[in-house]
């Protein structure tokens, strides 16, 4: 018979997590939860094959996006063994059940579904539900070496001894062993932004997941260059008396600025969706071109400072957004457009190619307002790029009709 059960974490469906059927304590067949937390087999049929109405299962803290490991216990994989009977709901909602680890896993899956999977780049993969590849079986897929790992709570001693800042969450582009990304996430007591504690924006997972995915689709040579670029930036910053940290308006390096610009995209887009939904945690929904255009429209006034001109200020209702870098602009999607004050000019809030805020604004706001967020964001992952210049070269090579457009963007933001 089939033993059917649902897996939750803190009352929410545990989405796309691997489930192993245990017989006498030994793992047999591999299953996976669906988006409702229901256990399904290789063919997406509900339930686990069993001779009785009971079964023992292992809920593995891993999905097709990443595996969460225990940073306090030699970074071993996290799992919970549970007995189930037909119709059960298993809710991992206690510290003993490592609910924080499964919460992180779920947030990563949701961030992927909201900010990444709707993009053409990910839609164009052989199996968008398995962005790192789907092998012949769920077990082989789970065990493949091409995998992002996330250590929580990470014990990597990366605190600057000359700074009062807490140890930093970061993504290692090329870990020792398999040269694949490794996410280091600090304890929630040090990172209130992990779960949105104390009113903080829950941005750590989407922001850092961007880096892990970006690095995953770089060539191995590029991943190595990324690692070298970050280490060089840290050493130079500390030598100059800096804190070896970055921020939206801080000058770093062109490589750091480009990498962090992608993190700002996922962070801002998921927060836009969370505010739009009105909940405490963003949830997946169909992301349409209209929603993407609304996001870009909401970002425009945040990334440009108005410069008022003297004289009367007539207001024009137009079908497009203001031209950020010159030329006509029509955003992708449909729906109402804001009234435009034609006597308001704009200037960039930040500029230069070594400032992540400028690179973010250039790609995900300005360029996106001209060509659509899908093309702008998809190209970020497709370009095998580590600087805006490399991104621009990719656009010119793959979309020669946009050569003047991307050049205008570069000039406006002084990249």
Protein backbone atom coordinates (compact mmCIF):
# COMPACT_ATOMS: atom_id res chain seq x y z
CA UNK A 1 0.00 0.00 0.00
CA UNK A 2 0.95 3.66 -0.13
CA UNK A 3 1.70 5.55 3.07
CA UNK A 4 0.91 9.19 2.40
CA UNK A 5 2.22 11.98 4.60
CA UNK A 6 2.95 15.71 4.56
CA UNK A 7 6.12 17.35 5.89
CA UNK A 8 6.12 20.87 7.32
CA UNK A 9 8.57 23.23 8.99
CA UNK A 10 7.08 25.69 11.48
CA UNK A 11 3.65 24.95 10.01
CA UNK A 12 4.67 25.71 6.41
CA UNK A 13 5.02 23.01 3.72
CA UNK A 14 8.62 21.82 3.42
CA UNK A 15 9.03 22.26 -0.31
CA UNK A 16 11.01 19.88 -2.54
CA UNK A 17 13.02 18.23 0.26
CA UNK A 18 14.50 14.77 -0.16
CA UNK A 19 12.85 11.98 1.85
CA UNK A 20 14.40 8.55 2.33
CA UNK A 21 12.41 5.42 3.19
CA UNK A 22 14.08 3.53 6.02
CA UNK A 23 13.65 -0.23 6.46
CA UNK A 24 15.24 -1.64 9.62
CA UNK A 25 17.23 1.57 9.83
CA UNK A 26 18.66 1.23 6.32
CA UNK A 27 17.86 3.69 3.55
CA UNK A 28 16.01 2.26 0.56
CA UNK A 29 14.05 4.33 -1.95
CA UNK A 30 14.40 8.09 -2.28
CA UNK A 31 11.36 10.38 -2.44
CA UNK A 32 10.77 14.12 -2.48
CA UNK A 33 8.13 16.45 -1.09
CA UNK A 34 6.15 18.61 -3.50
CA UNK A 35 5.31 22.30 -3.07
CA UNK A 36 2.58 21.33 -0.59
CA UNK A 37 4.97 19.21 1.47
CA UNK A 38 3.41 15.92 0.31
CA UNK A 39 5.79 13.00 -0.16
CA UNK A 40 6.00 11.79 -3.78
CA UNK A 41 8.07 9.19 -5.61
CA UNK A 42 10.27 9.38 -8.73
CA UNK A 43 7.17 9.62 -10.91
CA UNK A 44 5.45 12.24 -8.72
CA UNK A 45 2.95 9.70 -7.38
CA UNK A 46 1.93 10.34 -3.76
CA UNK A 47 3.10 8.20 -0.91
CA UNK A 48 5.72 5.66 0.10
CA UNK A 49 5.51 1.99 -0.85
CA UNK A 50 5.05 -0.08 2.31
CA UNK A 51 3.65 -3.45 3.35
CA UNK A 52 1.80 -1.75 6.22
CA UNK A 53 0.10 1.55 6.94
CA UNK A 54 3.26 2.67 8.74
CA UNK A 55 6.73 3.63 7.56
CA UNK A 56 9.98 5.09 8.85
CA UNK A 57 11.40 8.02 6.95
CA UNK A 58 14.45 10.26 7.00
CA UNK A 59 13.71 13.92 6.27
CA UNK A 60 16.92 15.16 4.67
CA UNK A 61 17.78 18.85 4.90
CA UNK A 62 18.51 19.08 1.21
CA UNK A 63 16.60 20.09 -1.90
CA UNK A 64 17.58 20.52 -5.57
CA UNK A 65 19.02 23.96 -4.76
CA UNK A 66 21.32 23.20 -1.83
CA UNK A 67 22.14 21.04 1.16
CA UNK A 68 22.17 22.52 4.68
CA UNK A 69 24.90 21.10 6.94
CA UNK A 70 25.45 21.49 10.66
CA UNK A 71 28.14 24.09 11.26
CA UNK A 72 28.33 23.09 14.93
CA UNK A 73 28.96 19.43 14.17
CA UNK A 74 31.77 19.17 11.64
CA UNK A 75 29.45 20.31 8.83
CA UNK A 76 27.74 16.93 8.56
CA UNK A 77 24.42 16.67 6.74
CA UNK A 78 21.26 17.41 8.71
CA UNK A 79 18.37 14.94 8.85
CA UNK A 80 15.49 13.91 11.08
CA UNK A 81 14.22 10.32 11.32
CA UNK A 82 10.47 10.03 11.85
CA UNK A 83 7.90 7.25 12.05
CA UNK A 84 4.78 7.98 10.03
CA UNK A 85 1.43 6.41 9.40
CA UNK A 86 -0.90 6.99 6.49
CA UNK A 87 -2.35 10.52 6.55
CA UNK A 88 0.18 11.97 9.00
CA UNK A 89 1.53 15.51 9.01
CA UNK A 90 5.06 15.85 10.38
CA UNK A 91 5.77 19.38 11.58
CA UNK A 92 9.42 20.16 12.36
CA UNK A 93 8.83 22.99 14.80
CA UNK A 94 11.21 22.46 17.71
CA UNK A 95 14.90 23.16 18.28
CA UNK A 96 15.42 19.44 18.89
CA UNK A 97 14.12 18.86 15.34
CA UNK A 98 16.58 21.48 14.01
CA UNK A 99 13.78 23.65 12.73
CA UNK A 100 16.17 26.53 11.94
CA UNK A 101 18.09 24.38 9.47
CA UNK A 102 14.90 23.31 7.69
CA UNK A 103 13.60 26.89 7.80
CA UNK A 104 16.74 28.00 5.93
CA UNK A 105 16.28 25.19 3.42
CA UNK A 106 12.68 26.19 2.80
CA UNK A 107 13.56 29.87 2.44
CA UNK A 108 16.19 29.00 -0.14
CA UNK A 109 13.68 26.99 -2.16
CA UNK A 110 11.13 29.81 -1.98
CA UNK A 111 13.72 32.44 -2.92
CA UNK A 112 14.64 30.35 -5.95
CA UNK A 113 11.00 30.02 -7.02
CA UNK A 114 10.33 33.75 -6.58
CA UNK A 115 13.48 35.52 -7.80
CA UNK A 116 15.25 33.07 -10.10
CA UNK A 117 13.10 30.33 -11.61
CA UNK A 118 10.81 32.86 -13.43
CA UNK A 119 13.82 34.22 -15.37
CA UNK A 120 14.43 32.96 -18.90
CA UNK A 121 17.93 31.84 -17.98
CA UNK A 122 16.61 29.33 -15.45
CA UNK A 123 13.55 28.46 -17.52
CA UNK A 124 15.94 27.49 -20.30
CA UNK A 125 17.80 24.93 -18.21
CA UNK A 126 17.19 21.22 -18.97
CA UNK A 127 15.10 20.98 -15.80
CA UNK A 128 14.37 24.30 -14.04
CA UNK A 129 13.22 22.47 -10.89
CA UNK A 130 16.75 21.05 -10.65
CA UNK A 131 18.96 23.99 -11.66
CA UNK A 132 22.19 22.09 -10.94
CA UNK A 133 21.08 19.08 -12.95
CA UNK A 134 18.68 16.11 -12.71
CA UNK A 135 20.28 12.69 -13.04
CA UNK A 136 18.60 9.36 -13.76
CA UNK A 137 17.25 8.94 -10.21
CA UNK A 138 16.49 11.08 -7.19
CA UNK A 139 19.22 9.30 -5.23
CA UNK A 140 21.87 9.96 -7.87
CA UNK A 141 20.71 13.55 -8.13
CA UNK A 142 20.90 14.04 -4.38
CA UNK A 143 24.37 12.50 -4.21
CA UNK A 144 25.92 14.30 -7.17
CA UNK A 145 29.08 16.30 -6.44
CA UNK A 146 27.71 19.36 -8.23
CA UNK A 147 26.01 20.76 -5.18
CA UNK A 148 25.78 23.95 -3.15
CA UNK A 149 26.29 23.43 0.58
CA UNK A 150 25.23 25.85 3.32
CA UNK A 151 26.83 25.68 6.77
CA UNK A 152 24.67 26.86 9.69
CA UNK A 153 25.53 28.16 12.20
CA UNK A 154 28.85 28.66 10.49
CA UNK A 155 31.98 28.54 12.63
CA UNK A 156 34.42 29.92 10.06
CA UNK A 157 36.60 32.44 11.97
CA UNK A 158 36.38 35.33 9.52
CA UNK A 159 36.00 38.20 11.95
CA UNK A 160 38.35 41.14 11.34
CA UNK A 161 40.44 41.34 14.54
CA UNK A 162 40.63 45.10 14.16
CA UNK A 163 36.86 45.58 13.88
CA UNK A 164 33.92 45.49 16.28
CA UNK A 165 31.73 43.99 13.55
CA UNK A 166 30.28 40.52 14.07
CA UNK A 167 31.69 37.62 12.01
CA UNK A 168 30.37 37.79 8.48
CA UNK A 169 28.05 35.61 6.47
CA UNK A 170 29.59 34.98 3.06
CA UNK A 171 29.75 32.57 0.12
CA UNK A 172 32.95 30.74 -0.73
CA UNK A 173 33.07 30.61 -4.57
CA UNK A 174 35.27 27.53 -4.83
CA UNK A 175 35.50 25.24 -1.83
CA UNK A 176 38.32 22.76 -1.42
CA UNK A 177 37.45 19.32 -2.73
CA UNK A 178 34.98 19.89 -5.52
CA UNK A 179 35.53 23.57 -6.42
CA UNK A 180 31.84 24.36 -5.90
CA UNK A 181 30.22 27.18 -3.85
CA UNK A 182 29.91 26.89 -0.07
CA UNK A 183 27.58 29.23 1.83
CA UNK A 184 28.65 30.28 5.34
CA UNK A 185 25.67 31.60 7.35
CA UNK A 186 26.19 32.84 10.90
CA UNK A 187 23.88 32.06 13.81
CA UNK A 188 20.57 33.90 13.92
CA UNK A 189 21.73 35.67 17.08
CA UNK A 190 24.40 37.36 14.96
CA UNK A 191 22.25 37.62 11.82
CA UNK A 192 18.76 38.98 12.65
CA UNK A 193 18.32 39.42 8.88
CA UNK A 194 18.27 35.64 8.50
CA UNK A 195 14.70 35.17 9.74
CA UNK A 196 13.65 38.83 10.01
CA UNK A 197 14.06 39.01 13.77
CA UNK A 198 13.46 42.30 15.57
CA UNK A 199 11.92 43.91 12.51
CA UNK A 200 14.94 43.24 10.29
CA UNK A 201 14.38 42.49 6.60
CA UNK A 202 14.82 38.71 6.04
CA UNK A 203 17.30 39.14 3.20
CA UNK A 204 20.24 36.88 4.04
CA UNK A 205 19.02 33.76 2.22
CA UNK A 206 17.97 35.38 -1.09
CA UNK A 207 21.04 37.65 -1.14
CA UNK A 208 23.58 34.90 -0.47
CA UNK A 209 21.75 32.38 -2.67
CA UNK A 210 22.30 34.76 -5.61
CA UNK A 211 26.04 34.50 -5.12
CA UNK A 212 25.94 30.71 -4.83
CA UNK A 213 23.89 30.37 -8.03
CA UNK A 214 25.99 32.97 -9.86
CA UNK A 215 29.20 31.16 -8.91
CA UNK A 216 27.66 27.79 -9.85
CA UNK A 217 27.15 28.90 -13.44
CA UNK A 218 30.57 30.48 -13.80
CA UNK A 219 33.32 28.45 -15.40
CA UNK A 220 35.67 26.83 -12.89
CA UNK A 221 38.38 29.25 -14.00
CA UNK A 222 36.07 32.18 -13.26
CA UNK A 223 35.21 30.76 -9.84
CA UNK A 224 38.90 30.67 -9.04
CA UNK A 225 39.32 34.25 -10.22
CA UNK A 226 36.36 35.25 -8.05
CA UNK A 227 37.99 33.71 -4.99
CA UNK A 228 41.27 35.49 -5.73
CA UNK A 229 39.50 38.81 -6.30
CA UNK A 230 37.68 38.63 -2.96
CA UNK A 231 40.80 37.63 -1.05
CA UNK A 232 42.71 40.47 -2.70
CA UNK A 233 40.02 42.97 -1.76
CA UNK A 234 40.01 41.81 1.88
CA UNK A 235 43.80 41.97 2.19
CA UNK A 236 44.02 45.40 0.58
CA UNK A 237 41.15 46.76 2.67
CA UNK A 238 42.68 45.56 5.94
CA UNK A 239 46.11 46.83 4.96
CA UNK A 240 44.59 50.26 4.35
CA UNK A 241 42.89 50.24 7.76
CA UNK A 242 39.45 49.36 6.38
CA UNK A 243 36.95 46.81 7.65
CA UNK A 244 37.04 44.54 4.57
CA UNK A 245 33.27 44.95 4.21
CA UNK A 246 31.14 46.27 1.39
CA UNK A 247 27.90 48.19 1.06
CA UNK A 248 25.62 49.81 -1.49
CA UNK A 249 27.55 53.09 -1.62
CA UNK A 250 31.06 51.89 -0.71
CA UNK A 251 33.88 51.74 -3.26
CA UNK A 252 35.40 48.26 -3.42
CA UNK A 253 36.52 46.66 -6.71
CA UNK A 254 34.72 46.14 -10.04
CA UNK A 255 34.51 42.40 -9.30
CA UNK A 256 33.08 42.80 -5.80
CA UNK A 257 30.64 45.47 -7.03
CA UNK A 258 29.33 43.25 -9.85
CA UNK A 259 28.96 40.19 -7.62
CA UNK A 260 27.13 42.12 -4.90
CA UNK A 261 24.84 43.81 -7.42
CA UNK A 262 23.23 40.43 -8.07
CA UNK A 263 22.64 39.95 -4.36
CA UNK A 264 20.85 43.29 -4.23
CA UNK A 265 18.56 42.12 -7.03
CA UNK A 266 17.31 39.02 -5.20
CA UNK A 267 17.16 40.83 -1.87
CA UNK A 268 15.15 43.74 -3.26
CA UNK A 269 12.89 41.65 -5.48
CA UNK A 270 11.91 39.19 -2.74
CA UNK A 271 11.32 42.06 -0.32
CA UNK A 272 9.18 43.81 -2.97
CA UNK A 273 7.13 40.63 -3.33
CA UNK A 274 6.86 40.18 0.46
CA UNK A 275 5.57 43.75 0.85
CA UNK A 276 3.21 43.24 -2.09
CA UNK A 277 1.81 40.08 -0.50
CA UNK A 278 1.57 41.69 2.93
CA UNK A 279 2.96 38.72 4.86
CA UNK A 280 5.90 38.21 7.16
CA UNK A 281 7.54 35.80 4.73
CA UNK A 282 7.53 35.91 0.94
CA UNK A 283 5.64 33.05 -0.70
CA UNK A 284 5.82 31.75 -4.27
CA UNK A 285 3.33 33.03 -6.80
CA UNK A 286 3.28 33.34 -10.59
CA UNK A 287 5.80 36.06 -11.49
CA UNK A 288 4.56 37.84 -14.60
CA UNK A 289 6.26 40.47 -16.79
CA UNK A 290 3.81 42.98 -15.30
CA UNK A 291 5.03 42.20 -11.76
CA UNK A 292 8.63 42.49 -12.90
CA UNK A 293 7.85 45.87 -14.47
CA UNK A 294 6.18 47.04 -11.26
CA UNK A 295 9.32 46.13 -9.34
CA UNK A 296 11.51 48.13 -11.71
CA UNK A 297 9.12 51.09 -11.48
CA UNK A 298 9.30 50.95 -7.69
CA UNK A 299 13.11 50.93 -7.80
CA UNK A 300 13.46 53.95 -10.12
CA UNK A 301 12.88 56.71 -7.54
CA UNK A 302 15.05 54.87 -4.99
CA UNK A 303 18.13 54.86 -7.22
CA UNK A 304 17.86 58.34 -8.73
CA UNK A 305 17.92 61.71 -6.99
CA UNK A 306 15.55 64.36 -8.46
CA UNK A 307 16.99 67.68 -9.58
CA UNK A 308 14.24 70.27 -9.69
CA UNK A 309 14.22 73.00 -12.33
CA UNK A 310 12.66 76.44 -11.86
CA UNK A 311 9.38 77.40 -13.47
CA UNK A 312 5.97 75.73 -13.84
CA UNK A 313 5.95 71.96 -13.63
CA UNK A 314 3.36 70.39 -15.94
CA UNK A 315 2.64 66.73 -15.30
CA UNK A 316 2.37 64.28 -18.17
CA UNK A 317 0.77 60.85 -17.94
CA UNK A 318 2.86 58.68 -20.20
CA UNK A 319 2.84 54.98 -21.19
CA UNK A 320 6.50 54.51 -20.27
CA UNK A 321 8.94 55.17 -17.48
CA UNK A 322 11.35 58.15 -17.40
CA UNK A 323 14.44 57.63 -19.54
CA UNK A 324 17.10 57.09 -16.94
CA UNK A 325 20.06 57.31 -19.25
CA UNK A 326 18.58 59.09 -22.23
CA UNK A 327 16.31 57.83 -25.02
CA UNK A 328 12.82 56.45 -24.94
CA UNK A 329 11.92 53.89 -22.34
CA UNK A 330 9.05 51.46 -22.32
CA UNK A 331 9.02 48.86 -19.58
CA UNK A 332 8.01 45.31 -20.26
CA UNK A 333 4.57 44.29 -19.09
CA UNK A 334 1.24 46.00 -18.91
CA UNK A 335 -0.67 48.02 -16.38
CA UNK A 336 -0.89 51.64 -15.23
CA UNK A 337 2.18 53.82 -15.48
CA UNK A 338 3.09 56.66 -13.13
CA UNK A 339 2.46 60.29 -14.00
CA UNK A 340 5.74 61.87 -15.09
CA UNK A 341 6.81 65.35 -14.05
CA UNK A 342 8.56 66.50 -17.23
CA UNK A 343 10.37 69.31 -15.38
CA UNK A 344 12.18 66.90 -13.09
CA UNK A 345 15.61 65.72 -14.13
CA UNK A 346 17.38 62.88 -12.35
CA UNK A 347 20.93 62.05 -11.39
CA UNK A 348 22.39 58.77 -10.13
CA UNK A 349 22.51 58.31 -6.38
CA UNK A 350 25.84 56.47 -6.78
CA UNK A 351 28.21 56.00 -9.71
CA UNK A 352 31.42 54.18 -10.75
CA UNK A 353 32.03 50.54 -11.63
CA UNK A 354 33.53 49.67 -8.24
CA UNK A 355 30.37 50.71 -6.35
CA UNK A 356 27.82 47.91 -6.09
CA UNK A 357 24.88 50.30 -5.89
CA UNK A 358 25.82 51.82 -9.22
CA UNK A 359 26.22 48.44 -10.92
CA UNK A 360 22.92 47.24 -9.44
CA UNK A 361 21.11 50.39 -10.58
CA UNK A 362 22.63 50.22 -14.04
CA UNK A 363 21.66 46.58 -14.70
CA UNK A 364 18.54 45.88 -12.65
CA UNK A 365 16.91 49.32 -12.82
CA UNK A 366 18.11 51.36 -15.80
CA UNK A 367 18.84 48.60 -18.31
CA UNK A 368 15.87 46.59 -17.00
CA UNK A 369 13.55 49.56 -17.55
CA UNK A 370 14.59 49.62 -21.22
CA UNK A 371 14.67 45.91 -22.10
CA UNK A 372 12.67 44.25 -19.33
CA UNK A 373 13.87 42.78 -16.06
CA UNK A 374 13.91 39.27 -17.50
CA UNK A 375 16.55 40.00 -20.12
CA UNK A 376 18.63 42.18 -17.78
CA UNK A 377 18.63 39.69 -14.89
CA UNK A 378 18.93 36.55 -17.04
CA UNK A 379 21.99 38.03 -18.73
CA UNK A 380 23.61 38.55 -15.34
CA UNK A 381 23.67 34.75 -14.83
CA UNK A 382 24.32 33.83 -18.46
CA UNK A 383 27.25 36.16 -19.08
CA UNK A 384 30.00 34.24 -17.20
CA UNK A 385 30.91 37.74 -16.04
CA UNK A 386 32.59 39.25 -12.99
CA UNK A 387 32.50 42.93 -13.99
CA UNK A 388 30.05 45.27 -15.66
CA UNK A 389 32.44 45.48 -18.63
CA UNK A 390 32.18 41.72 -19.15
CA UNK A 391 28.39 41.96 -18.80
CA UNK A 392 28.32 44.71 -21.43
CA UNK A 393 30.45 42.60 -23.79
CA UNK A 394 28.00 39.70 -23.37
CA UNK A 395 25.05 41.97 -24.21
CA UNK A 396 26.79 43.32 -27.30
CA UNK A 397 27.69 39.81 -28.50
CA UNK A 398 24.29 38.20 -27.86
CA UNK A 399 22.03 41.21 -28.49
CA UNK A 400 23.85 43.47 -30.95
CA UNK A 401 20.68 45.53 -31.37
CA UNK A 402 21.16 46.67 -27.75
CA UNK A 403 24.75 47.87 -28.20
CA UNK A 404 23.85 51.55 -28.04
CA UNK A 405 21.44 50.94 -25.17
CA UNK A 406 23.95 49.25 -22.90
CA UNK A 407 26.60 51.81 -23.83
CA UNK A 408 24.21 54.60 -22.82
CA UNK A 409 23.60 52.87 -19.49
CA UNK A 410 27.33 52.56 -18.87
CA UNK A 411 27.91 56.24 -19.65
CA UNK A 412 25.07 57.45 -17.41
CA UNK A 413 26.28 55.50 -14.38
CA UNK A 414 29.96 56.23 -15.14
CA UNK A 415 30.87 52.56 -15.22
